[in-house]
C-alpha cells in the first residue's frame, strides 16, 4: 500500500469511500438521505492539496484523509475514511501516520462528532483508537446542525508530535 496526495482523477472514488465510511460509522446520527460529501467538494480539497489517499498495489483507492495546516504549530486531520472492504488491513493507521508527518508540525488535532445520550459504539471505538495513539480530548462544544437526528457534541482531540526527550 502507498499513501500519497490525491489527484483530480481520485475525486469520485474518495467521495464514495468517505460517504460509505460515514454511513457505516454514524448510523442514527443524521437524518435519512444525508451524505458527508460529493465529488465536486472533494475535487476542491484535492486541488488545495488537502486530500491524501491510500492505494493498493493495483492503484485502487482504499482510503483517504484530509490534512491541512491550521497555524505554524498545528495541523488538522479529518474525514479519515477507509473502504469498508479494506477494514483491518492497517489502512487507517497508514493514513493517520501520513497526516501526522505531512506538514511537520508540532501538534495534530482532529474533531469527533459524538451524539448525546447512550454511547454510540462506533464513536466509542474511534475515541479508544485515537486515545491509544496518543490523542487527548482538549475541548467539546455543542454541535448544532439541522440535519442531525439529535443533539451532539463536537470533541476536539490533540496530540503532540514532538519526539520525547531521550533518556
N, C-alpha and C. Protein backbone atom coordinates (compact mmCIF):
# COMPACT_ATOMS: atom_id res chain seq x y z
N UNK A 1 0.85 -1.18 0.00
CA UNK A 1 0.00 0.00 0.00
C UNK A 1 0.89 1.24 0.00
N UNK A 2 0.45 2.24 -0.73
CA UNK A 2 1.14 3.52 -0.77
C UNK A 2 0.15 4.62 -0.37
N UNK A 3 0.63 5.60 0.38
CA UNK A 3 -0.18 6.77 0.74
C UNK A 3 0.48 7.98 0.10
N UNK A 4 -0.33 8.74 -0.63
CA UNK A 4 0.16 9.90 -1.36
C UNK A 4 -0.95 10.93 -1.51
N UNK A 5 -0.57 12.15 -1.89
CA UNK A 5 -1.59 13.15 -2.17
C UNK A 5 -2.45 12.68 -3.34
N UNK A 6 -3.73 12.95 -3.27
CA UNK A 6 -4.69 12.53 -4.29
C UNK A 6 -4.53 13.36 -5.55
N UNK A 7 -4.98 12.78 -6.66
CA UNK A 7 -5.04 13.51 -7.93
C UNK A 7 -6.51 13.79 -8.25
N UNK A 8 -6.74 14.67 -9.17
CA UNK A 8 -8.12 15.04 -9.52
C UNK A 8 -8.93 13.83 -9.99
N UNK A 9 -8.27 12.85 -10.58
CA UNK A 9 -8.98 11.64 -11.04
C UNK A 9 -9.51 10.79 -9.88
N UNK A 10 -9.04 11.06 -8.66
CA UNK A 10 -9.46 10.29 -7.49
C UNK A 10 -10.74 10.80 -6.84
N UNK A 11 -11.25 11.96 -7.26
CA UNK A 11 -12.34 12.62 -6.54
C UNK A 11 -13.57 11.72 -6.35
N UNK A 12 -14.03 11.04 -7.39
CA UNK A 12 -15.23 10.21 -7.26
C UNK A 12 -15.00 9.05 -6.31
N UNK A 13 -13.83 8.39 -6.41
CA UNK A 13 -13.53 7.27 -5.51
C UNK A 13 -13.43 7.73 -4.06
N UNK A 14 -12.78 8.88 -3.85
CA UNK A 14 -12.63 9.41 -2.50
C UNK A 14 -14.00 9.76 -1.92
N UNK A 15 -14.85 10.42 -2.68
CA UNK A 15 -16.19 10.77 -2.19
C UNK A 15 -16.98 9.51 -1.85
N UNK A 16 -16.89 8.49 -2.69
CA UNK A 16 -17.60 7.23 -2.43
C UNK A 16 -17.11 6.58 -1.13
N UNK A 17 -15.80 6.56 -0.93
CA UNK A 17 -15.24 5.94 0.28
C UNK A 17 -15.61 6.74 1.52
N UNK A 18 -15.51 8.06 1.46
CA UNK A 18 -15.89 8.89 2.61
C UNK A 18 -17.35 8.66 2.96
N UNK A 19 -18.24 8.71 1.98
CA UNK A 19 -19.67 8.53 2.26
C UNK A 19 -19.97 7.14 2.80
N UNK A 20 -19.32 6.11 2.27
CA UNK A 20 -19.52 4.75 2.78
C UNK A 20 -19.03 4.62 4.21
N UNK A 21 -17.87 5.21 4.51
CA UNK A 21 -17.32 5.13 5.86
C UNK A 21 -18.21 5.88 6.86
N UNK A 22 -18.69 7.06 6.48
CA UNK A 22 -19.56 7.82 7.38
C UNK A 22 -20.91 7.14 7.54
N UNK A 23 -21.41 6.52 6.49
CA UNK A 23 -22.68 5.78 6.58
C UNK A 23 -22.53 4.62 7.57
N UNK A 24 -21.40 3.92 7.50
CA UNK A 24 -21.16 2.79 8.41
C UNK A 24 -20.84 3.25 9.83
N UNK A 25 -20.17 4.40 9.96
CA UNK A 25 -19.70 4.85 11.26
C UNK A 25 -20.62 5.78 12.02
N UNK A 26 -21.66 6.28 11.37
CA UNK A 26 -22.54 7.24 12.04
C UNK A 26 -24.02 6.88 11.91
N UNK A 27 -24.38 5.60 12.02
CA UNK A 27 -25.81 5.28 11.92
C UNK A 27 -26.58 5.93 13.07
N UNK A 28 -27.73 6.49 12.72
CA UNK A 28 -28.60 7.10 13.72
C UNK A 28 -28.23 8.52 14.09
N UNK A 29 -27.12 9.03 13.61
CA UNK A 29 -26.70 10.39 13.99
C UNK A 29 -27.34 11.43 13.08
N UNK A 30 -27.54 11.09 11.81
CA UNK A 30 -28.06 12.03 10.82
C UNK A 30 -29.44 11.61 10.34
N UNK A 31 -30.22 12.56 9.87
CA UNK A 31 -31.49 12.26 9.23
C UNK A 31 -31.22 11.52 7.93
N UNK A 32 -32.18 10.72 7.49
CA UNK A 32 -32.03 9.95 6.26
C UNK A 32 -31.73 10.81 5.06
N UNK A 33 -30.93 10.28 4.14
CA UNK A 33 -30.61 10.99 2.92
C UNK A 33 -29.38 11.87 3.02
N UNK A 34 -28.82 12.03 4.23
CA UNK A 34 -27.64 12.86 4.42
C UNK A 34 -26.41 12.16 3.86
N UNK A 35 -25.55 12.90 3.19
CA UNK A 35 -24.25 12.39 2.76
C UNK A 35 -23.18 13.35 3.24
N UNK A 36 -21.99 12.83 3.49
CA UNK A 36 -20.90 13.64 4.03
C UNK A 36 -20.32 14.60 3.00
N UNK A 37 -20.20 14.13 1.74
CA UNK A 37 -19.56 14.97 0.73
C UNK A 37 -19.98 14.54 -0.66
N UNK A 38 -19.39 15.16 -1.67
CA UNK A 38 -19.67 14.80 -3.06
C UNK A 38 -18.38 14.99 -3.87
N UNK A 39 -18.32 14.44 -5.07
CA UNK A 39 -17.08 14.54 -5.86
C UNK A 39 -16.61 15.97 -6.12
N UNK A 40 -17.53 16.91 -6.30
CA UNK A 40 -17.10 18.30 -6.54
C UNK A 40 -16.40 18.89 -5.33
N UNK A 41 -16.97 18.68 -4.15
CA UNK A 41 -16.34 19.20 -2.92
C UNK A 41 -14.99 18.53 -2.69
N UNK A 42 -14.93 17.22 -2.91
CA UNK A 42 -13.66 16.51 -2.76
C UNK A 42 -12.64 17.02 -3.77
N UNK A 43 -13.08 17.26 -4.99
CA UNK A 43 -12.19 17.79 -6.02
C UNK A 43 -11.55 19.11 -5.60
N UNK A 44 -12.33 19.97 -4.94
CA UNK A 44 -11.79 21.25 -4.47
C UNK A 44 -10.72 21.03 -3.40
N UNK A 45 -10.96 20.07 -2.51
CA UNK A 45 -9.98 19.76 -1.47
C UNK A 45 -8.71 19.15 -2.07
N UNK A 46 -8.89 18.33 -3.10
CA UNK A 46 -7.73 17.74 -3.79
C UNK A 46 -6.91 18.85 -4.44
N UNK A 47 -7.59 19.78 -5.12
CA UNK A 47 -6.88 20.89 -5.77
C UNK A 47 -6.12 21.74 -4.75
N UNK A 48 -6.64 21.83 -3.53
CA UNK A 48 -5.98 22.59 -2.47
C UNK A 48 -4.85 21.80 -1.83
N UNK A 49 -4.65 20.55 -2.24
CA UNK A 49 -3.59 19.71 -1.68
C UNK A 49 -3.90 19.18 -0.30
N UNK A 50 -5.19 19.04 0.03
CA UNK A 50 -5.60 18.64 1.38
C UNK A 50 -6.06 17.19 1.49
N UNK A 51 -6.08 16.44 0.41
CA UNK A 51 -6.54 15.05 0.47
C UNK A 51 -5.40 14.11 0.10
N UNK A 52 -5.18 13.12 0.96
CA UNK A 52 -4.24 12.03 0.67
C UNK A 52 -5.05 10.75 0.54
N UNK A 53 -4.55 9.84 -0.28
CA UNK A 53 -5.23 8.56 -0.49
C UNK A 53 -4.28 7.41 -0.19
N UNK A 54 -4.87 6.30 0.20
CA UNK A 54 -4.15 5.03 0.33
C UNK A 54 -4.54 4.21 -0.87
N UNK A 55 -3.53 3.69 -1.57
CA UNK A 55 -3.77 2.88 -2.76
C UNK A 55 -3.23 1.47 -2.56
N UNK A 56 -3.98 0.52 -3.07
CA UNK A 56 -3.49 -0.86 -3.15
C UNK A 56 -2.42 -0.91 -4.23
N UNK A 57 -1.71 -2.01 -4.33
CA UNK A 57 -0.66 -2.16 -5.34
C UNK A 57 -1.18 -1.99 -6.76
N UNK A 58 -2.47 -2.30 -6.98
CA UNK A 58 -3.05 -2.16 -8.32
C UNK A 58 -3.52 -0.73 -8.61
N UNK A 59 -3.30 0.20 -7.66
CA UNK A 59 -3.68 1.60 -7.85
C UNK A 59 -5.06 1.95 -7.33
N UNK A 60 -5.81 0.96 -6.89
CA UNK A 60 -7.17 1.20 -6.39
C UNK A 60 -7.12 1.97 -5.07
N UNK A 61 -7.94 3.03 -4.96
CA UNK A 61 -8.04 3.83 -3.74
C UNK A 61 -8.87 3.07 -2.71
N UNK A 62 -8.29 2.88 -1.50
CA UNK A 62 -8.99 2.16 -0.44
C UNK A 62 -9.19 2.99 0.82
N UNK A 63 -8.69 4.23 0.80
CA UNK A 63 -8.87 5.09 1.95
C UNK A 63 -8.40 6.49 1.64
N UNK A 64 -8.81 7.43 2.52
CA UNK A 64 -8.41 8.82 2.33
C UNK A 64 -8.43 9.56 3.65
N UNK A 65 -7.76 10.70 3.66
CA UNK A 65 -7.76 11.58 4.82
C UNK A 65 -7.55 13.01 4.33
N UNK A 66 -8.21 13.92 5.01
CA UNK A 66 -7.97 15.35 4.75
C UNK A 66 -6.96 15.82 5.78
N UNK A 67 -5.95 16.54 5.36
CA UNK A 67 -4.97 17.10 6.29
C UNK A 67 -4.65 18.52 5.84
N UNK A 68 -4.69 19.43 6.80
CA UNK A 68 -4.41 20.83 6.49
C UNK A 68 -3.72 21.48 7.68
N UNK A 69 -2.94 22.49 7.38
CA UNK A 69 -2.24 23.25 8.41
C UNK A 69 -3.20 24.29 8.98
N UNK A 70 -3.27 24.36 10.30
CA UNK A 70 -4.09 25.38 10.96
C UNK A 70 -3.28 26.62 11.29
N UNK A 71 -2.04 26.41 11.74
CA UNK A 71 -1.14 27.51 12.06
C UNK A 71 0.29 26.97 12.02
N UNK A 72 1.26 27.74 12.48
CA UNK A 72 2.66 27.32 12.39
C UNK A 72 2.95 26.04 13.16
N UNK A 73 2.19 25.79 14.22
CA UNK A 73 2.48 24.64 15.08
C UNK A 73 1.50 23.49 14.96
N UNK A 74 0.34 23.71 14.33
CA UNK A 74 -0.73 22.72 14.38
C UNK A 74 -1.30 22.41 13.00
N UNK A 75 -1.48 21.13 12.74
CA UNK A 75 -2.20 20.66 11.56
C UNK A 75 -3.44 19.92 12.05
N UNK A 76 -4.39 19.74 11.15
CA UNK A 76 -5.64 19.06 11.50
C UNK A 76 -5.91 17.97 10.47
N UNK A 77 -6.35 16.83 10.98
CA UNK A 77 -6.78 15.77 10.07
C UNK A 77 -8.28 15.61 10.22
N UNK A 78 -8.91 15.17 9.15
CA UNK A 78 -10.35 14.95 9.17
C UNK A 78 -10.75 14.02 8.06
N UNK A 79 -11.99 13.60 8.11
CA UNK A 79 -12.57 12.71 7.10
C UNK A 79 -11.72 11.46 6.87
N UNK A 80 -11.03 10.99 7.91
CA UNK A 80 -10.26 9.76 7.80
C UNK A 80 -11.23 8.64 7.49
N UNK A 81 -11.09 8.05 6.30
CA UNK A 81 -12.08 7.08 5.83
C UNK A 81 -11.39 5.92 5.14
N UNK A 82 -11.89 4.72 5.44
CA UNK A 82 -11.38 3.50 4.82
C UNK A 82 -12.54 2.76 4.19
N UNK A 83 -12.32 2.28 2.98
CA UNK A 83 -13.33 1.47 2.30
C UNK A 83 -13.69 0.32 3.24
N UNK A 84 -14.99 0.12 3.54
CA UNK A 84 -15.37 -0.96 4.44
C UNK A 84 -14.80 -2.32 4.04
N UNK A 85 -14.56 -2.56 2.77
CA UNK A 85 -13.99 -3.83 2.32
C UNK A 85 -12.52 -3.96 2.72
N UNK A 86 -11.88 -2.85 3.11
CA UNK A 86 -10.46 -2.87 3.46
C UNK A 86 -10.22 -2.72 4.96
N UNK A 87 -11.28 -2.79 5.79
CA UNK A 87 -11.11 -2.66 7.23
C UNK A 87 -10.15 -3.72 7.75
N UNK A 88 -9.36 -3.33 8.73
CA UNK A 88 -8.48 -4.27 9.40
C UNK A 88 -7.15 -4.52 8.72
N UNK A 89 -6.86 -3.82 7.64
CA UNK A 89 -5.62 -4.05 6.89
C UNK A 89 -4.55 -3.01 7.20
N UNK A 90 -4.78 -2.12 8.16
CA UNK A 90 -3.80 -1.11 8.51
C UNK A 90 -3.91 0.18 7.70
N UNK A 91 -4.95 0.29 6.89
CA UNK A 91 -5.11 1.47 6.04
C UNK A 91 -5.31 2.74 6.87
N UNK A 92 -6.17 2.67 7.86
CA UNK A 92 -6.42 3.84 8.71
C UNK A 92 -5.16 4.31 9.40
N UNK A 93 -4.40 3.38 9.93
CA UNK A 93 -3.15 3.73 10.62
C UNK A 93 -2.16 4.35 9.65
N UNK A 94 -2.05 3.82 8.42
CA UNK A 94 -1.14 4.37 7.41
C UNK A 94 -1.54 5.80 7.05
N UNK A 95 -2.84 6.04 6.90
CA UNK A 95 -3.32 7.39 6.59
C UNK A 95 -3.05 8.35 7.74
N UNK A 96 -3.26 7.89 8.96
CA UNK A 96 -3.01 8.72 10.14
C UNK A 96 -1.53 9.07 10.23
N UNK A 97 -0.66 8.12 9.99
CA UNK A 97 0.78 8.37 10.02
C UNK A 97 1.17 9.40 8.97
N UNK A 98 0.63 9.26 7.75
CA UNK A 98 0.90 10.24 6.70
C UNK A 98 0.46 11.63 7.16
N UNK A 99 -0.75 11.74 7.70
CA UNK A 99 -1.28 13.03 8.14
C UNK A 99 -0.38 13.65 9.20
N UNK A 100 0.08 12.84 10.15
CA UNK A 100 0.92 13.36 11.23
C UNK A 100 2.27 13.86 10.73
N UNK A 101 2.76 13.30 9.66
CA UNK A 101 4.09 13.66 9.15
C UNK A 101 4.05 14.70 8.03
N UNK A 102 2.92 14.88 7.39
CA UNK A 102 2.84 15.65 6.16
C UNK A 102 3.30 17.11 6.30
N UNK A 103 2.85 17.81 7.30
CA UNK A 103 3.18 19.24 7.43
C UNK A 103 4.36 19.49 8.37
N UNK A 104 4.79 18.47 9.10
CA UNK A 104 5.92 18.65 10.00
C UNK A 104 5.64 19.56 11.18
N UNK A 105 4.38 19.61 11.61
CA UNK A 105 4.01 20.48 12.74
C UNK A 105 4.26 19.78 14.07
N UNK A 106 4.22 20.55 15.13
CA UNK A 106 4.44 20.03 16.47
C UNK A 106 3.19 19.34 17.03
N UNK A 107 2.02 19.71 16.51
CA UNK A 107 0.77 19.17 17.03
C UNK A 107 -0.16 18.77 15.88
N UNK A 108 -0.96 17.76 16.14
CA UNK A 108 -2.03 17.35 15.22
C UNK A 108 -3.31 17.35 16.03
N UNK A 109 -4.37 17.81 15.39
CA UNK A 109 -5.66 17.72 16.06
C UNK A 109 -6.72 17.20 15.10
N UNK A 110 -7.83 16.78 15.70
CA UNK A 110 -8.97 16.25 14.95
C UNK A 110 -10.23 16.51 15.74
N UNK A 111 -11.36 16.40 15.05
CA UNK A 111 -12.65 16.56 15.72
C UNK A 111 -13.46 15.29 15.53
N UNK A 112 -14.20 14.94 16.58
CA UNK A 112 -15.03 13.75 16.58
C UNK A 112 -16.45 14.13 16.99
N UNK A 113 -17.41 13.86 16.13
CA UNK A 113 -18.82 14.15 16.41
C UNK A 113 -19.38 13.01 17.26
N UNK A 114 -19.96 13.36 18.42
CA UNK A 114 -20.46 12.34 19.35
C UNK A 114 -21.88 12.72 19.77
N UNK A 115 -22.86 11.83 19.50
CA UNK A 115 -24.23 12.15 19.88
C UNK A 115 -24.43 12.08 21.40
N UNK A 116 -25.37 12.87 21.90
CA UNK A 116 -25.74 12.81 23.32
C UNK A 116 -26.52 11.53 23.58
N UNK A 117 -26.66 11.19 24.83
CA UNK A 117 -27.45 10.02 25.21
C UNK A 117 -26.59 8.79 25.35
N UNK A 118 -27.15 7.65 24.95
CA UNK A 118 -26.46 6.38 25.09
C UNK A 118 -25.17 6.38 24.28
N UNK A 119 -24.15 5.65 24.74
CA UNK A 119 -22.89 5.58 23.99
C UNK A 119 -23.14 5.07 22.56
N UNK A 120 -22.43 5.66 21.63
CA UNK A 120 -22.51 5.27 20.22
C UNK A 120 -21.32 4.33 19.97
N UNK A 121 -21.54 3.05 19.66
CA UNK A 121 -20.44 2.09 19.58
C UNK A 121 -19.30 2.49 18.65
N UNK A 122 -19.61 3.03 17.48
CA UNK A 122 -18.55 3.41 16.55
C UNK A 122 -17.76 4.60 17.08
N UNK A 123 -18.42 5.53 17.73
CA UNK A 123 -17.73 6.70 18.27
C UNK A 123 -16.87 6.31 19.47
N UNK A 124 -17.35 5.37 20.27
CA UNK A 124 -16.55 4.85 21.39
C UNK A 124 -15.30 4.15 20.85
N UNK A 125 -15.45 3.38 19.77
CA UNK A 125 -14.32 2.68 19.16
C UNK A 125 -13.29 3.70 18.66
N UNK A 126 -13.75 4.76 17.99
CA UNK A 126 -12.83 5.79 17.50
C UNK A 126 -12.14 6.52 18.65
N UNK A 127 -12.90 6.86 19.69
CA UNK A 127 -12.30 7.51 20.86
C UNK A 127 -11.19 6.63 21.43
N UNK A 128 -11.46 5.34 21.58
CA UNK A 128 -10.47 4.42 22.14
C UNK A 128 -9.24 4.32 21.23
N UNK A 129 -9.46 4.24 19.91
CA UNK A 129 -8.36 4.12 18.96
C UNK A 129 -7.47 5.36 18.99
N UNK A 130 -8.08 6.53 18.88
CA UNK A 130 -7.29 7.77 18.92
C UNK A 130 -6.57 7.92 20.26
N UNK A 131 -7.23 7.55 21.35
CA UNK A 131 -6.59 7.65 22.67
C UNK A 131 -5.37 6.74 22.77
N UNK A 132 -5.48 5.51 22.26
CA UNK A 132 -4.33 4.59 22.26
C UNK A 132 -3.16 5.16 21.45
N UNK A 133 -3.47 5.96 20.44
CA UNK A 133 -2.44 6.53 19.58
C UNK A 133 -1.92 7.89 20.06
N UNK A 134 -2.33 8.28 21.28
CA UNK A 134 -1.78 9.48 21.90
C UNK A 134 -2.62 10.73 21.82
N UNK A 135 -3.81 10.65 21.27
CA UNK A 135 -4.68 11.82 21.18
C UNK A 135 -5.45 11.98 22.49
N UNK A 136 -5.56 13.23 22.94
CA UNK A 136 -6.28 13.55 24.17
C UNK A 136 -7.33 14.61 23.87
N UNK A 137 -8.51 14.42 24.45
CA UNK A 137 -9.57 15.40 24.25
C UNK A 137 -9.19 16.69 24.95
N UNK A 138 -9.28 17.81 24.21
CA UNK A 138 -8.93 19.10 24.80
C UNK A 138 -10.12 20.04 24.92
N UNK A 139 -11.21 19.75 24.19
CA UNK A 139 -12.39 20.60 24.29
C UNK A 139 -13.61 19.88 23.73
N UNK A 140 -14.75 20.44 24.01
CA UNK A 140 -16.01 19.91 23.50
C UNK A 140 -16.99 21.07 23.39
N UNK A 141 -17.76 21.06 22.32
CA UNK A 141 -18.79 22.09 22.16
C UNK A 141 -20.01 21.45 21.55
N UNK A 142 -21.15 22.04 21.83
CA UNK A 142 -22.40 21.57 21.24
C UNK A 142 -22.34 21.82 19.74
N UNK A 143 -22.70 20.82 18.97
CA UNK A 143 -22.71 20.94 17.52
C UNK A 143 -24.15 21.00 17.08
N UNK A 144 -24.54 22.11 16.51
CA UNK A 144 -25.93 22.33 16.12
C UNK A 144 -26.02 22.35 14.61
N UNK A 145 -26.63 21.33 14.06
CA UNK A 145 -26.78 21.18 12.61
C UNK A 145 -28.19 20.65 12.35
N UNK A 146 -28.97 21.30 11.49
CA UNK A 146 -30.35 20.88 11.27
C UNK A 146 -30.51 19.42 10.79
N UNK A 147 -29.51 18.88 10.13
CA UNK A 147 -29.63 17.52 9.62
C UNK A 147 -29.31 16.44 10.64
N UNK A 148 -28.88 16.84 11.86
CA UNK A 148 -28.63 15.87 12.91
C UNK A 148 -29.95 15.28 13.40
N UNK A 149 -29.94 14.00 13.70
CA UNK A 149 -31.14 13.33 14.22
C UNK A 149 -31.37 13.68 15.69
N UNK A 150 -30.36 14.18 16.37
CA UNK A 150 -30.49 14.56 17.77
C UNK A 150 -29.28 15.38 18.19
N UNK A 151 -29.27 15.83 19.45
CA UNK A 151 -28.17 16.67 19.91
C UNK A 151 -26.84 15.91 19.90
N UNK A 152 -25.77 16.66 19.65
CA UNK A 152 -24.43 16.06 19.59
C UNK A 152 -23.39 17.09 19.98
N UNK A 153 -22.22 16.59 20.35
CA UNK A 153 -21.07 17.43 20.66
C UNK A 153 -19.99 17.19 19.62
N UNK A 154 -19.20 18.21 19.39
CA UNK A 154 -18.02 18.10 18.56
C UNK A 154 -16.83 18.18 19.51
N UNK A 155 -16.13 17.05 19.66
CA UNK A 155 -15.00 16.97 20.58
C UNK A 155 -13.70 17.15 19.80
N UNK A 156 -12.82 17.98 20.33
CA UNK A 156 -11.52 18.21 19.71
C UNK A 156 -10.46 17.42 20.48
N UNK A 157 -9.66 16.69 19.72
CA UNK A 157 -8.56 15.90 20.26
C UNK A 157 -7.25 16.47 19.72
N UNK A 158 -6.20 16.34 20.52
CA UNK A 158 -4.90 16.89 20.12
C UNK A 158 -3.80 15.93 20.54
N UNK A 159 -2.74 15.89 19.73
CA UNK A 159 -1.59 15.03 20.02
C UNK A 159 -0.32 15.84 19.76
N UNK A 160 0.64 15.71 20.67
CA UNK A 160 1.95 16.29 20.43
C UNK A 160 2.72 15.36 19.51
N UNK A 161 3.31 15.92 18.48
CA UNK A 161 4.11 15.14 17.54
C UNK A 161 5.61 15.33 17.80
N UNK A 162 5.92 16.06 18.84
CA UNK A 162 7.32 16.28 19.20
C UNK A 162 7.89 14.97 19.75
N UNK A 163 9.09 14.67 19.38
CA UNK A 163 9.75 13.45 19.87
C UNK A 163 9.97 13.59 21.37
N UNK A 164 9.76 12.50 22.07
CA UNK A 164 10.03 12.51 23.51
C UNK A 164 11.54 12.64 23.72
N UNK A 165 11.94 13.36 24.77
CA UNK A 165 13.38 13.52 25.02
C UNK A 165 14.02 12.16 25.29
N UNK A 166 15.25 11.99 24.82
CA UNK A 166 15.98 10.74 25.07
C UNK A 166 16.33 10.65 26.54
N UNK A 167 16.27 9.43 27.07
CA UNK A 167 16.61 9.26 28.48
C UNK A 167 17.85 8.44 28.64
